[in-house]
Amino acid sequence: MSSEKIRCHPTVIVEKTLGAFPSVVVVLILLVAWIDSSAILSMLVLALVALLLFYYRQWKRTTIQFNDTDVVIERDTLFQMKKTLPYAKMASVNVNRDIPNRLFGTSKLLININSGTSAMVPEAVLTFERDVAERLRSEMSQRLYDHDISPDEEETIESLATFTPLDVIMHGLLSVSTYQTLLGSVFLAYSLFELYISTVAGVQAGGGAMFSLLMFVAVQVAPSVSLILRYYNYKVYRRGDTVYLQHGLIRTYKTSFDVSRINAVRVKSTLAARLLGRSCIEAEVVGLVSEGGERSRPVLCLLKDDATQQRVLRELVPEFVYERRPNKQPEGAKRVLLIRAAVTSLVVALAMVVPSVYVYREVAALTGVIGTPSVVLQYMLPLVAALAILAILYAAHVSYRVTEFDAGEDLFTFVNGAVDRETVVMNYDKVQMVWITQGPVARIFGVSRGSVYMLSSTGSSSISSGYFPGSQLERINEIVMDRITSGRYDYRKTALLKPSCQGSVTPKEKSL
């Protein structure tokens, strides 16, 4: 790798200018009352020229140097900057291509450092010609992972599982949270209700139907379409200790990371996916955020049948597969869950009283609605409230039945989710902090809840357990402390995780 100083592709001047120009337009719109309208166009042109000159000077005075041990980014402007990124500290080097990159024939090289700051934004975003970016990523990967995969070889390597366009569409439709889907369905139902009233009863529906329809699109349709576009052409494979991911239709992503960077693995399934026998795999990995602060956990396997998912899990991350001996929640947990469900049901019933009376009177006043539809509409909200209460009670029963906790020798597992199921396998060496809490009701029945904190691709992550005896949950803290004192705690895997045992520790809360 040459150590000569180079610059980003000059198209970054246009990209940054177009990114900043809308803010200038907004400012001028806010000042339009104090500015002569005839001068607005001239000011916009001057602002555009000023931005182009500013970013040209910034581009001209910014250089990048790829050395044998680090990457140095230097900017010699009014506010000088020198950023040194050692290869030893890098979590990942990724390549993304958005629409401007496709138009200009460029790619973005994203460098992430395994730290709290870069868990939120990339440490460096560098734009080069596509082949240059791919070559630099390949050469940097050689230093990060001790092996090299050329861009041509990446295109020919087969994925651990076959993901068809139908699989991607199913993932986009079924991986959206069930609660989000229910909320979207409520907006859709209300929109149809408004349209029915305006059509059958001849009453003007106003903007309620359109607003609800837009909310349905925002809550349900848009996230599904976004996932389909994001994970189209999905491919996953492993070479040595490195996991490689490729996906994207409009904006393409190429991501790789060492398996030692994985803090936890999640096997997830929404209610709809579980009914079809499908689940997906996500990982908690620090330093994989995309440009613009786009944060999401890397998906190691899209929604596939459980047999395929288990095979991918064993072949891709066998370090997170072990023989589990799960513990179920004790009888005290059932009582706590039932009390919580009863309180929630009471709140739902009280919240539905006023809307139910309002809908009953409004429908009764509509002379155009007669017969069975009128009766259904009048009692719709009480019926919905009754169904919601039954769902809450049933969810409490299911939560008690399916929630599990297991503390193995090197890994431990939480299983949660009455509706959307989640199995999280965590590494003791990646734990930052463990909180064991006990509310007033839980204290009566002798159970507690545990929350485990660790760094992740979303900045930080908190994974909570169900209700278990405090002694079982404290076992996590005991194992971690034992690994530290015996020298088995692998600090090389924890990056900036700094366990601290100083200060007082209460029985209800323990921090590492």
Protein backbone atom coordinates (compact mmCIF):
# COMPACT_ATOMS: atom_id res chain seq x y z
CA MET A 1 0.00 0.00 0.00
CA SER A 2 1.49 3.32 -1.12
CA SER A 3 2.16 5.89 1.61
CA GLU A 4 1.83 8.87 -0.74
CA LYS A 5 -0.72 11.55 0.11
CA ILE A 6 -3.90 11.46 -1.95
CA ARG A 7 -7.20 13.35 -2.02
CA CYS A 8 -10.79 12.20 -2.18
CA HIS A 9 -12.56 12.24 -5.52
CA PRO A 10 -13.47 15.87 -6.43
CA THR A 11 -17.17 14.97 -6.67
CA VAL A 12 -17.29 15.27 -2.87
CA ILE A 13 -17.37 19.03 -3.46
CA VAL A 14 -20.70 18.68 -5.28
CA GLU A 15 -22.06 16.15 -2.76
CA LYS A 16 -21.28 18.32 0.26
CA THR A 17 -22.57 21.46 -1.45
CA LEU A 18 -25.88 19.83 -2.34
CA GLY A 19 -26.11 18.45 1.20
CA ALA A 20 -25.64 21.87 2.80
CA PHE A 21 -27.66 23.94 0.28
CA PRO A 22 -31.14 22.96 1.60
CA SER A 23 -30.21 24.43 4.99
CA VAL A 24 -29.39 27.74 3.30
CA VAL A 25 -32.75 27.66 1.52
CA VAL A 26 -34.57 27.09 4.83
CA VAL A 27 -32.76 30.05 6.43
CA LEU A 28 -33.68 32.34 3.55
CA ILE A 29 -37.31 31.21 3.71
CA LEU A 30 -37.39 32.11 7.41
CA LEU A 31 -35.89 35.53 6.61
CA VAL A 32 -38.13 36.25 3.63
CA ALA A 33 -40.21 38.73 5.66
CA TRP A 34 -37.12 40.90 6.22
CA ILE A 35 -35.55 40.48 2.77
CA ASP A 36 -36.69 41.91 -0.53
CA SER A 37 -38.16 38.99 -2.48
CA SER A 38 -36.39 40.16 -5.66
CA ALA A 39 -33.05 39.58 -3.94
CA ILE A 40 -33.80 35.98 -2.89
CA LEU A 41 -32.65 34.45 -6.19
CA SER A 42 -29.42 36.42 -6.15
CA MET A 43 -28.74 35.36 -2.56
CA LEU A 44 -29.37 31.72 -3.44
CA VAL A 45 -26.88 31.91 -6.31
CA LEU A 46 -24.30 33.63 -4.10
CA ALA A 47 -24.83 31.03 -1.36
CA LEU A 48 -24.37 28.21 -3.86
CA VAL A 49 -21.15 29.74 -5.19
CA ALA A 50 -19.87 30.34 -1.64
CA LEU A 51 -20.54 26.73 -0.67
CA LEU A 52 -18.79 25.44 -3.78
CA LEU A 53 -15.72 27.60 -3.04
CA PHE A 54 -15.72 26.61 0.63
CA TYR A 55 -15.86 22.88 -0.05
CA TYR A 56 -13.37 23.19 -2.91
CA ARG A 57 -10.85 24.76 -0.55
CA GLN A 58 -11.59 22.10 2.07
CA TRP A 59 -11.12 19.32 -0.52
CA LYS A 60 -7.91 20.89 -1.85
CA ARG A 61 -6.36 21.13 1.61
CA THR A 62 -7.42 17.69 2.85
CA THR A 63 -5.09 14.74 2.22
CA ILE A 64 -5.20 11.07 3.12
CA GLN A 65 -2.14 8.91 3.65
CA PHE A 66 -2.36 5.11 3.86
CA ASN A 67 0.72 3.97 5.77
CA ASP A 68 1.81 0.49 6.81
CA THR A 69 0.40 0.82 10.32
CA ASP A 70 -2.22 3.56 10.13
CA VAL A 71 -4.28 5.95 8.04
CA VAL A 72 -3.60 9.68 8.49
CA ILE A 73 -6.17 12.29 7.45
CA GLU A 74 -4.91 15.88 7.49
CA ARG A 75 -6.77 19.13 6.81
CA ASP A 76 -4.87 22.42 6.59
CA THR A 77 -7.66 25.03 6.71
CA LEU A 78 -8.58 27.71 9.24
CA PHE A 79 -9.51 24.93 11.66
CA GLN A 80 -6.68 22.43 11.20
CA MET A 81 -7.20 18.75 11.81
CA LYS A 82 -5.00 15.67 11.88
CA LYS A 83 -6.65 12.31 12.49
CA THR A 84 -4.59 9.14 12.87
CA LEU A 85 -6.42 5.81 12.60
CA PRO A 86 -4.27 2.77 13.51
CA TYR A 87 -5.21 -0.49 11.80
CA ALA A 88 -4.94 -2.27 15.16
CA LYS A 89 -7.86 -0.19 16.50
CA MET A 90 -10.16 -0.47 13.48
CA ALA A 91 -13.36 -2.45 13.88
CA SER A 92 -14.28 -2.53 10.19
CA VAL A 93 -13.61 -1.02 6.78
CA ASN A 94 -16.74 -0.90 4.65
CA VAL A 95 -17.73 0.27 1.19
CA ASN A 96 -21.11 1.93 0.51
CA ARG A 97 -22.54 3.27 -2.75
CA ASP A 98 -25.54 5.58 -2.82
CA ILE A 99 -27.24 7.27 -5.80
CA PRO A 100 -24.65 10.12 -6.20
CA ASN A 101 -21.87 7.52 -6.07
CA ARG A 102 -23.55 5.54 -8.85
CA LEU A 103 -23.91 8.68 -10.97
CA PHE A 104 -20.26 9.71 -10.49
CA GLY A 105 -18.76 6.18 -10.57
CA THR A 106 -17.44 6.45 -7.02
CA SER A 107 -17.71 4.60 -3.70
CA LYS A 108 -17.46 5.64 -0.06
CA LEU A 109 -14.83 3.99 2.11
CA LEU A 110 -16.08 3.96 5.71
CA ILE A 111 -13.58 3.42 8.54
CA ASN A 112 -14.95 2.54 11.98
CA ILE A 113 -12.99 2.43 15.22
CA ASN A 114 -14.13 0.17 18.05
CA SER A 115 -15.09 2.98 20.45
CA GLY A 116 -18.17 4.63 21.88
CA THR A 117 -17.88 7.62 19.53
CA SER A 118 -17.56 5.62 16.33
CA ALA A 119 -20.39 3.38 17.41
CA MET A 120 -22.59 6.35 16.51
CA VAL A 121 -20.83 7.71 13.38
CA PRO A 122 -17.97 6.45 11.17
CA GLU A 123 -14.56 7.76 12.12
CA ALA A 124 -13.84 8.60 8.48
CA VAL A 125 -15.88 8.67 5.25
CA LEU A 126 -13.62 8.86 2.19
CA THR A 127 -14.87 9.02 -1.42
CA PHE A 128 -12.78 7.53 -4.23
CA GLU A 129 -13.33 6.05 -7.66
CA ARG A 130 -15.05 2.71 -7.32
CA ASP A 131 -12.08 0.53 -8.23
CA VAL A 132 -9.75 2.58 -6.00
CA ALA A 133 -12.10 2.24 -3.02
CA GLU A 134 -12.40 -1.52 -3.55
CA ARG A 135 -8.63 -1.90 -3.83
CA LEU A 136 -7.99 0.14 -0.68
CA ARG A 137 -10.59 -1.86 1.26
CA SER A 138 -8.99 -5.11 0.10
CA GLU A 139 -5.50 -3.96 1.12
CA MET A 140 -6.71 -2.66 4.48
CA SER A 141 -8.58 -5.91 5.13
CA GLN A 142 -5.29 -7.74 4.71
CA ARG A 143 -3.91 -5.77 7.66
CA LEU A 144 -7.08 -6.12 9.72
CA TYR A 145 -7.86 -9.80 9.17
CA ASP A 146 -4.55 -11.32 7.95
CA HIS A 147 -6.18 -12.44 4.69
CA ASP A 148 -7.22 -10.77 1.48
CA ILE A 149 -10.30 -11.18 -0.75
CA SER A 150 -10.18 -9.32 -4.04
CA PRO A 151 -13.26 -7.47 -5.35
CA ASP A 152 -13.59 -10.00 -8.19
CA GLU A 153 -13.43 -12.89 -5.75
CA GLU A 154 -16.13 -11.29 -3.59
CA GLU A 155 -18.56 -11.44 -6.50
CA THR A 156 -17.99 -15.17 -7.08
CA ILE A 157 -18.06 -16.43 -3.48
CA GLU A 158 -21.30 -18.21 -2.66
CA SER A 159 -23.41 -17.25 0.32
CA LEU A 160 -23.86 -19.69 3.22
CA ALA A 161 -27.55 -19.80 2.29
CA THR A 162 -29.51 -18.86 -0.82
CA PHE A 163 -31.63 -15.74 -0.43
CA THR A 164 -34.08 -15.26 -3.29
CA PRO A 165 -35.95 -12.00 -4.03
CA LEU A 166 -38.99 -13.65 -2.41
CA ASP A 167 -36.98 -14.22 0.79
CA VAL A 168 -36.00 -10.54 0.80
CA ILE A 169 -39.62 -9.45 0.31
CA MET A 170 -40.78 -11.80 3.08
CA HIS A 171 -38.08 -10.40 5.37
CA GLY A 172 -39.19 -6.84 4.64
CA LEU A 173 -42.87 -7.61 5.27
CA LEU A 174 -42.56 -9.95 8.26
CA SER A 175 -39.60 -8.54 10.23
CA VAL A 176 -41.40 -5.30 11.09
CA SER A 177 -42.40 -5.36 14.76
CA THR A 178 -45.82 -6.85 15.46
CA TYR A 179 -46.71 -3.87 17.64
CA GLN A 180 -45.78 -1.57 14.75
CA THR A 181 -47.91 -3.67 12.41
CA LEU A 182 -50.87 -3.48 14.80
CA LEU A 183 -50.51 0.30 15.05
CA GLY A 184 -50.41 0.54 11.27
CA SER A 185 -53.51 -1.66 11.05
CA VAL A 186 -55.34 0.66 13.45
CA PHE A 187 -54.56 3.65 11.24
CA LEU A 188 -55.67 1.71 8.16
CA ALA A 189 -58.89 0.59 9.85
CA TYR A 190 -59.69 4.15 10.95
CA SER A 191 -59.05 5.41 7.43
CA LEU A 192 -61.45 2.81 6.00
CA PHE A 193 -63.98 3.71 8.72
CA GLU A 194 -63.84 7.39 7.72
CA LEU A 195 -64.23 6.50 4.06
CA TYR A 196 -67.19 4.24 4.86
CA ILE A 197 -68.93 6.96 6.83
CA SER A 198 -68.41 9.53 4.08
CA THR A 199 -69.58 7.11 1.36
CA VAL A 200 -72.56 5.38 3.02
CA ALA A 201 -73.80 8.12 5.32
CA GLY A 202 -72.98 11.02 3.02
CA VAL A 203 -71.02 12.78 5.76
CA GLN A 204 -67.87 14.67 4.86
CA ALA A 205 -64.95 12.71 6.34
CA GLY A 206 -62.56 15.65 6.32
CA GLY A 207 -58.82 15.05 6.44
CA GLY A 208 -58.97 12.24 9.01
CA ALA A 209 -59.02 9.46 6.41
CA MET A 210 -56.05 10.84 4.48
CA PHE A 211 -54.03 11.49 7.63
CA SER A 212 -54.65 7.94 8.90
CA LEU A 213 -53.74 6.52 5.51
CA LEU A 214 -50.47 8.49 5.49
CA MET A 215 -49.72 7.27 9.02
CA PHE A 216 -50.31 3.67 7.86
CA VAL A 217 -47.82 4.21 5.03
CA ALA A 218 -45.28 5.78 7.41
CA VAL A 219 -45.64 3.15 10.14
CA GLN A 220 -46.07 -0.03 8.09
CA VAL A 221 -45.40 0.35 4.36
CA ALA A 222 -42.32 2.60 4.39
CA PRO A 223 -40.29 0.45 6.87
CA SER A 224 -41.07 -2.71 4.88
CA VAL A 225 -40.05 -1.13 1.56
CA SER A 226 -36.90 0.27 3.18
CA LEU A 227 -35.90 -3.20 4.40
CA ILE A 228 -36.56 -4.75 0.98
CA LEU A 229 -34.38 -2.15 -0.74
CA ARG A 230 -31.67 -2.45 1.91
CA TYR A 231 -31.32 -6.26 1.88
CA TYR A 232 -31.85 -6.98 -1.81
CA ASN A 233 -29.01 -9.10 -3.30
CA TYR A 234 -28.12 -10.26 0.23
CA LYS A 235 -25.04 -12.43 0.68
CA VAL A 236 -23.25 -13.63 3.83
CA TYR A 237 -20.15 -15.79 4.21
CA ARG A 238 -17.14 -16.29 6.46
CA ARG A 239 -13.44 -16.55 5.72
CA GLY A 240 -11.20 -17.44 8.64
CA ASP A 241 -12.37 -15.33 11.55
CA THR A 242 -13.99 -12.66 9.34
CA VAL A 243 -17.69 -12.36 8.51
CA TYR A 244 -18.60 -10.69 5.19
CA LEU A 245 -21.96 -9.12 4.34
CA GLN A 246 -23.15 -7.68 1.00
CA HIS A 247 -26.58 -6.28 0.19
CA GLY A 248 -28.49 -3.34 -1.23
CA LEU A 249 -30.46 -2.44 -4.35
CA ILE A 250 -30.28 1.37 -4.65
CA ARG A 251 -27.62 1.91 -2.00
CA THR A 252 -25.17 -0.99 -1.76
CA TYR A 253 -23.30 -2.09 1.36
CA LYS A 254 -20.17 -4.19 1.75
CA THR A 255 -19.32 -4.90 5.37
CA SER A 256 -16.81 -7.14 7.09
CA PHE A 257 -15.80 -7.62 10.71
CA ASP A 258 -13.81 -10.03 12.84
CA VAL A 259 -15.92 -12.53 14.76
CA SER A 260 -14.15 -11.44 17.96
CA ARG A 261 -15.94 -8.07 17.60
CA ILE A 262 -19.33 -9.72 18.11
CA ASN A 263 -20.68 -9.05 21.60
CA ALA A 264 -23.96 -10.91 21.27
CA VAL A 265 -26.10 -12.77 18.74
CA ARG A 266 -29.88 -12.35 18.51
CA VAL A 267 -32.25 -14.88 16.96
CA LYS A 268 -35.46 -12.95 16.31
CA SER A 269 -38.92 -13.72 14.96
CA THR A 270 -42.07 -11.64 14.87
CA LEU A 271 -45.43 -13.27 15.46
CA ALA A 272 -46.19 -13.54 11.73
CA ALA A 273 -42.72 -14.94 10.98
CA ARG A 274 -42.98 -17.47 13.80
CA LEU A 275 -46.35 -18.70 12.49
CA LEU A 276 -44.55 -19.43 9.20
CA GLY A 277 -41.63 -21.09 10.99
CA ARG A 278 -39.14 -18.35 10.10
CA SER A 279 -36.55 -16.41 12.09
CA CYS A 280 -33.57 -14.13 11.43
CA ILE A 281 -30.18 -13.58 13.06
CA GLU A 282 -28.73 -10.24 14.12
CA ALA A 283 -25.41 -9.44 15.80
CA GLU A 284 -24.24 -6.81 18.26
CA VAL A 285 -21.03 -5.47 16.71
CA VAL A 286 -19.34 -2.17 17.51
CA GLY A 287 -18.15 0.01 14.63
CA LEU A 288 -20.44 -0.84 11.72
CA VAL A 289 -22.47 2.35 11.47
CA SER A 290 -23.05 3.76 7.99
CA GLU A 291 -22.59 7.31 6.78
CA GLY A 292 -25.01 9.87 8.19
CA GLY A 293 -25.36 8.05 11.50
CA GLU A 294 -27.53 5.28 10.05
CA ARG A 295 -27.47 2.68 12.75
CA SER A 296 -28.70 -0.86 12.60
CA ARG A 297 -27.53 -4.23 13.81
CA PRO A 298 -25.87 -6.29 11.07
CA VAL A 299 -28.18 -9.06 9.92
CA LEU A 300 -26.35 -12.37 9.67
CA CYS A 301 -29.31 -14.23 8.18
CA LEU A 302 -32.58 -12.93 6.73
CA LEU A 303 -35.87 -14.56 7.70
CA LYS A 304 -35.51 -18.21 6.73
CA ASP A 305 -36.93 -21.49 7.97
CA ASP A 306 -35.62 -22.51 11.38
CA ALA A 307 -33.52 -25.38 9.99
CA THR A 308 -31.64 -23.05 7.62
CA GLN A 309 -31.25 -20.43 10.33
CA GLN A 310 -29.73 -22.96 12.74
CA ARG A 311 -27.33 -24.20 10.06
CA VAL A 312 -26.19 -20.65 9.25
CA LEU A 313 -25.76 -19.96 12.95
CA ARG A 314 -23.54 -23.01 13.44
CA GLU A 315 -21.41 -22.34 10.35
CA LEU A 316 -21.16 -18.56 10.61
CA VAL A 317 -20.75 -17.96 14.36
CA PRO A 318 -20.11 -21.32 16.07
CA GLU A 319 -18.53 -19.31 18.92
CA PHE A 320 -22.09 -18.45 20.02
CA VAL A 321 -23.50 -21.97 19.88
CA TYR A 322 -23.47 -24.11 23.01
CA GLU A 323 -25.56 -26.72 24.78
CA ARG A 324 -28.13 -24.77 26.76
CA ARG A 325 -29.78 -25.81 30.01
CA PRO A 326 -32.45 -23.10 30.31
CA ASN A 327 -34.15 -22.12 33.53
CA LYS A 328 -37.86 -21.26 33.45
CA GLN A 329 -39.40 -18.47 35.51
CA PRO A 330 -40.57 -19.46 39.03
CA GLU A 331 -44.16 -19.34 40.23
CA GLY A 332 -43.61 -15.88 41.73
CA ALA A 333 -43.00 -14.49 38.25
CA LYS A 334 -46.46 -15.61 37.14
CA ARG A 335 -48.10 -13.62 39.92
CA VAL A 336 -46.07 -10.51 39.08
CA LEU A 337 -46.97 -10.78 35.39
CA LEU A 338 -50.68 -11.27 36.18
CA ILE A 339 -50.73 -8.23 38.45
CA ARG A 340 -49.05 -6.13 35.77
CA ALA A 341 -51.51 -7.42 33.17
CA ALA A 342 -54.46 -6.61 35.43
CA VAL A 343 -53.27 -3.03 35.98
CA THR A 344 -52.64 -2.55 32.25
CA SER A 345 -56.09 -3.95 31.44
CA LEU A 346 -57.71 -1.52 33.85
CA VAL A 347 -55.89 1.40 32.21
CA VAL A 348 -57.03 0.25 28.75
CA ALA A 349 -60.64 -0.11 29.91
CA LEU A 350 -60.68 3.38 31.46
CA ALA A 351 -59.01 4.91 28.41
CA MET A 352 -61.71 3.47 26.12
CA VAL A 353 -64.69 4.84 28.07
CA VAL A 354 -64.79 8.37 26.63
CA PRO A 355 -63.99 7.42 22.99
CA SER A 356 -66.60 4.63 23.13
CA VAL A 357 -69.34 7.00 24.32
CA TYR A 358 -68.34 9.55 21.65
CA VAL A 359 -68.42 7.01 18.79
CA TYR A 360 -71.73 5.56 20.04
CA ARG A 361 -73.41 8.98 19.99
CA GLU A 362 -71.92 10.03 16.64
CA VAL A 363 -72.99 6.84 14.89
CA ALA A 364 -76.46 6.98 16.46
CA ALA A 365 -76.87 10.51 15.07
CA LEU A 366 -76.13 9.40 11.50
CA THR A 367 -79.45 8.74 9.83
CA GLY A 368 -77.76 7.27 6.76
CA VAL A 369 -76.31 4.35 8.68
CA ILE A 370 -78.94 1.77 9.55
CA GLY A 371 -79.15 -1.89 10.47
CA THR A 372 -76.24 -4.14 11.35
CA PRO A 373 -73.42 -1.73 10.30
CA SER A 374 -74.74 0.82 12.78
CA VAL A 375 -74.68 -1.68 15.65
CA VAL A 376 -71.16 -2.85 14.73
CA LEU A 377 -69.83 0.71 14.61
CA GLN A 378 -71.51 1.69 17.87
CA TYR A 379 -69.93 -1.16 19.81
CA MET A 380 -66.65 -1.33 17.90
CA LEU A 381 -64.44 0.36 20.54
CA PRO A 382 -65.80 -1.66 23.50
CA LEU A 383 -65.19 -4.78 21.44
CA VAL A 384 -61.65 -3.64 20.64
CA ALA A 385 -61.03 -2.90 24.33
CA ALA A 386 -62.27 -6.37 25.32
CA LEU A 387 -60.04 -8.01 22.72
CA ALA A 388 -57.08 -5.91 23.89
CA ILE A 389 -57.62 -6.99 27.51
CA LEU A 390 -57.80 -10.64 26.47
CA ALA A 391 -54.60 -10.17 24.44
CA ILE A 392 -52.83 -8.59 27.44
CA LEU A 393 -53.79 -11.46 29.74
CA TYR A 394 -52.82 -14.05 27.15
CA ALA A 395 -49.48 -12.27 26.54
CA ALA A 396 -48.74 -12.41 30.27
CA HIS A 397 -49.40 -16.16 30.24
CA VAL A 398 -47.19 -16.69 27.17
CA SER A 399 -44.44 -14.49 28.59
CA TYR A 400 -44.36 -16.60 31.74
CA ARG A 401 -44.21 -19.79 29.69
CA VAL A 402 -41.52 -18.87 27.13
CA THR A 403 -39.11 -16.63 29.06
CA GLU A 404 -35.84 -18.38 29.85
CA PHE A 405 -32.43 -17.73 31.34
CA ASP A 406 -29.31 -19.84 31.05
CA ALA A 407 -25.78 -19.22 32.38
CA GLY A 408 -23.25 -21.41 30.58
CA GLU A 409 -19.49 -21.58 31.03
CA ASP A 410 -18.52 -18.99 28.39
CA LEU A 411 -21.91 -17.73 27.19
CA PHE A 412 -25.29 -16.93 28.71
CA THR A 413 -28.73 -16.54 27.16
CA PHE A 414 -31.93 -14.56 27.66
CA VAL A 415 -35.13 -15.63 25.88
CA ASN A 416 -37.95 -13.06 25.88
CA GLY A 417 -41.05 -12.11 23.95
CA ALA A 418 -44.70 -13.01 24.28
CA VAL A 419 -45.41 -11.66 20.80
CA ASP A 420 -42.09 -11.01 19.06
CA ARG A 421 -39.64 -13.68 20.26
CA GLU A 422 -35.96 -12.96 20.84
CA THR A 423 -33.16 -15.27 21.94
CA VAL A 424 -29.99 -13.35 22.84
CA VAL A 425 -26.72 -15.22 23.37
CA MET A 426 -24.08 -13.05 25.06
CA ASN A 427 -20.39 -13.32 25.83
CA TYR A 428 -19.30 -12.75 29.45
CA ASP A 429 -16.16 -10.96 28.23
CA LYS A 430 -18.24 -8.26 26.51
CA VAL A 431 -20.41 -7.30 29.49
CA GLN A 432 -19.98 -3.70 30.64
CA MET A 433 -22.54 -3.58 33.42
CA VAL A 434 -25.19 -5.73 35.06
CA TRP A 435 -28.17 -4.23 36.87
CA ILE A 436 -30.37 -6.39 39.05
CA THR A 437 -33.58 -4.59 40.00
CA GLN A 438 -36.52 -5.57 42.18
CA GLY A 439 -39.76 -3.58 42.21
CA PRO A 440 -42.21 -3.50 45.13
CA VAL A 441 -44.45 -6.21 43.65
CA ALA A 442 -41.54 -8.41 42.57
CA ARG A 443 -40.03 -8.07 46.06
CA ILE A 444 -43.15 -9.60 47.59
CA PHE A 445 -42.77 -12.72 45.46
CA GLY A 446 -38.97 -12.95 45.71
CA VAL A 447 -38.07 -12.37 42.04
CA SER A 448 -35.86 -9.83 40.24
CA ARG A 449 -35.05 -8.65 36.74
CA GLY A 450 -31.58 -8.31 35.24
CA SER A 451 -30.37 -5.88 32.58
CA VAL A 452 -27.06 -6.45 30.80
CA TYR A 453 -25.34 -3.48 29.12
CA MET A 454 -22.76 -3.74 26.35
CA LEU A 455 -21.50 -1.78 23.36
CA SER A 456 -23.24 -2.50 20.06
CA SER A 457 -23.68 -1.28 16.51
CA THR A 458 -26.44 1.03 17.75
CA GLY A 459 -24.14 2.76 20.25
CA SER A 460 -25.06 0.80 23.35
CA SER A 461 -27.40 -2.07 24.06
CA SER A 462 -29.42 -3.17 27.06
CA ILE A 463 -30.77 -6.72 27.16
CA SER A 464 -33.26 -7.50 29.93
CA SER A 465 -34.25 -10.80 31.44
CA GLY A 466 -37.56 -12.00 32.78
CA TYR A 467 -38.33 -12.49 36.48
CA PHE A 468 -35.98 -14.89 38.22
CA PRO A 469 -34.55 -15.34 41.72
CA GLY A 470 -31.85 -12.73 42.34
CA SER A 471 -29.30 -15.45 43.10
CA GLN A 472 -29.63 -16.84 39.57
CA LEU A 473 -29.17 -13.45 37.91
CA GLU A 474 -26.23 -12.57 40.19
CA ARG A 475 -24.54 -15.62 38.72
CA ILE A 476 -23.68 -13.49 35.64
CA ASN A 477 -21.78 -11.00 37.77
CA GLU A 478 -20.07 -13.79 39.72
CA ILE A 479 -18.85 -15.53 36.56
CA VAL A 480 -17.49 -12.31 35.07
CA MET A 481 -15.68 -11.43 38.29
CA ASP A 482 -14.31 -14.96 38.51
CA ARG A 483 -13.02 -14.72 34.93
CA ILE A 484 -11.30 -11.41 35.77
CA THR A 485 -9.62 -12.69 38.93
CA SER A 486 -8.55 -15.97 37.32
CA GLY A 487 -7.16 -14.26 34.21
CA ARG A 488 -9.66 -15.85 31.83
CA TYR A 489 -11.32 -12.49 31.02
CA ASP A 490 -10.16 -11.63 27.48
CA TYR A 491 -9.42 -7.89 27.46
CA ARG A 492 -8.39 -8.04 23.81
CA LYS A 493 -12.02 -8.65 22.91
CA THR A 494 -13.48 -5.87 24.98
CA ALA A 495 -11.77 -2.86 23.33
CA LEU A 496 -12.79 0.12 25.47
CA LEU A 497 -14.78 -1.90 27.97
CA LYS A 498 -13.20 -1.11 31.32
CA PRO A 499 -14.63 -3.10 34.22
CA SER A 500 -14.68 -1.23 37.49
CA CYS A 501 -15.21 -2.78 40.88
CA GLN A 502 -14.73 0.38 42.90
CA GLY A 503 -17.40 2.02 45.02
CA SER A 504 -20.26 0.56 46.97
CA VAL A 505 -22.47 -2.11 45.41
CA THR A 506 -25.99 -2.70 46.63
CA PRO A 507 -27.70 -6.11 46.47
CA LYS A 508 -30.12 -4.69 43.87
CA GLU A 509 -27.54 -3.26 41.48
CA LYS A 510 -24.13 -4.53 40.44
CA SER A 511 -21.84 -2.88 37.91
CA LEU A 512 -18.69 -4.16 36.27
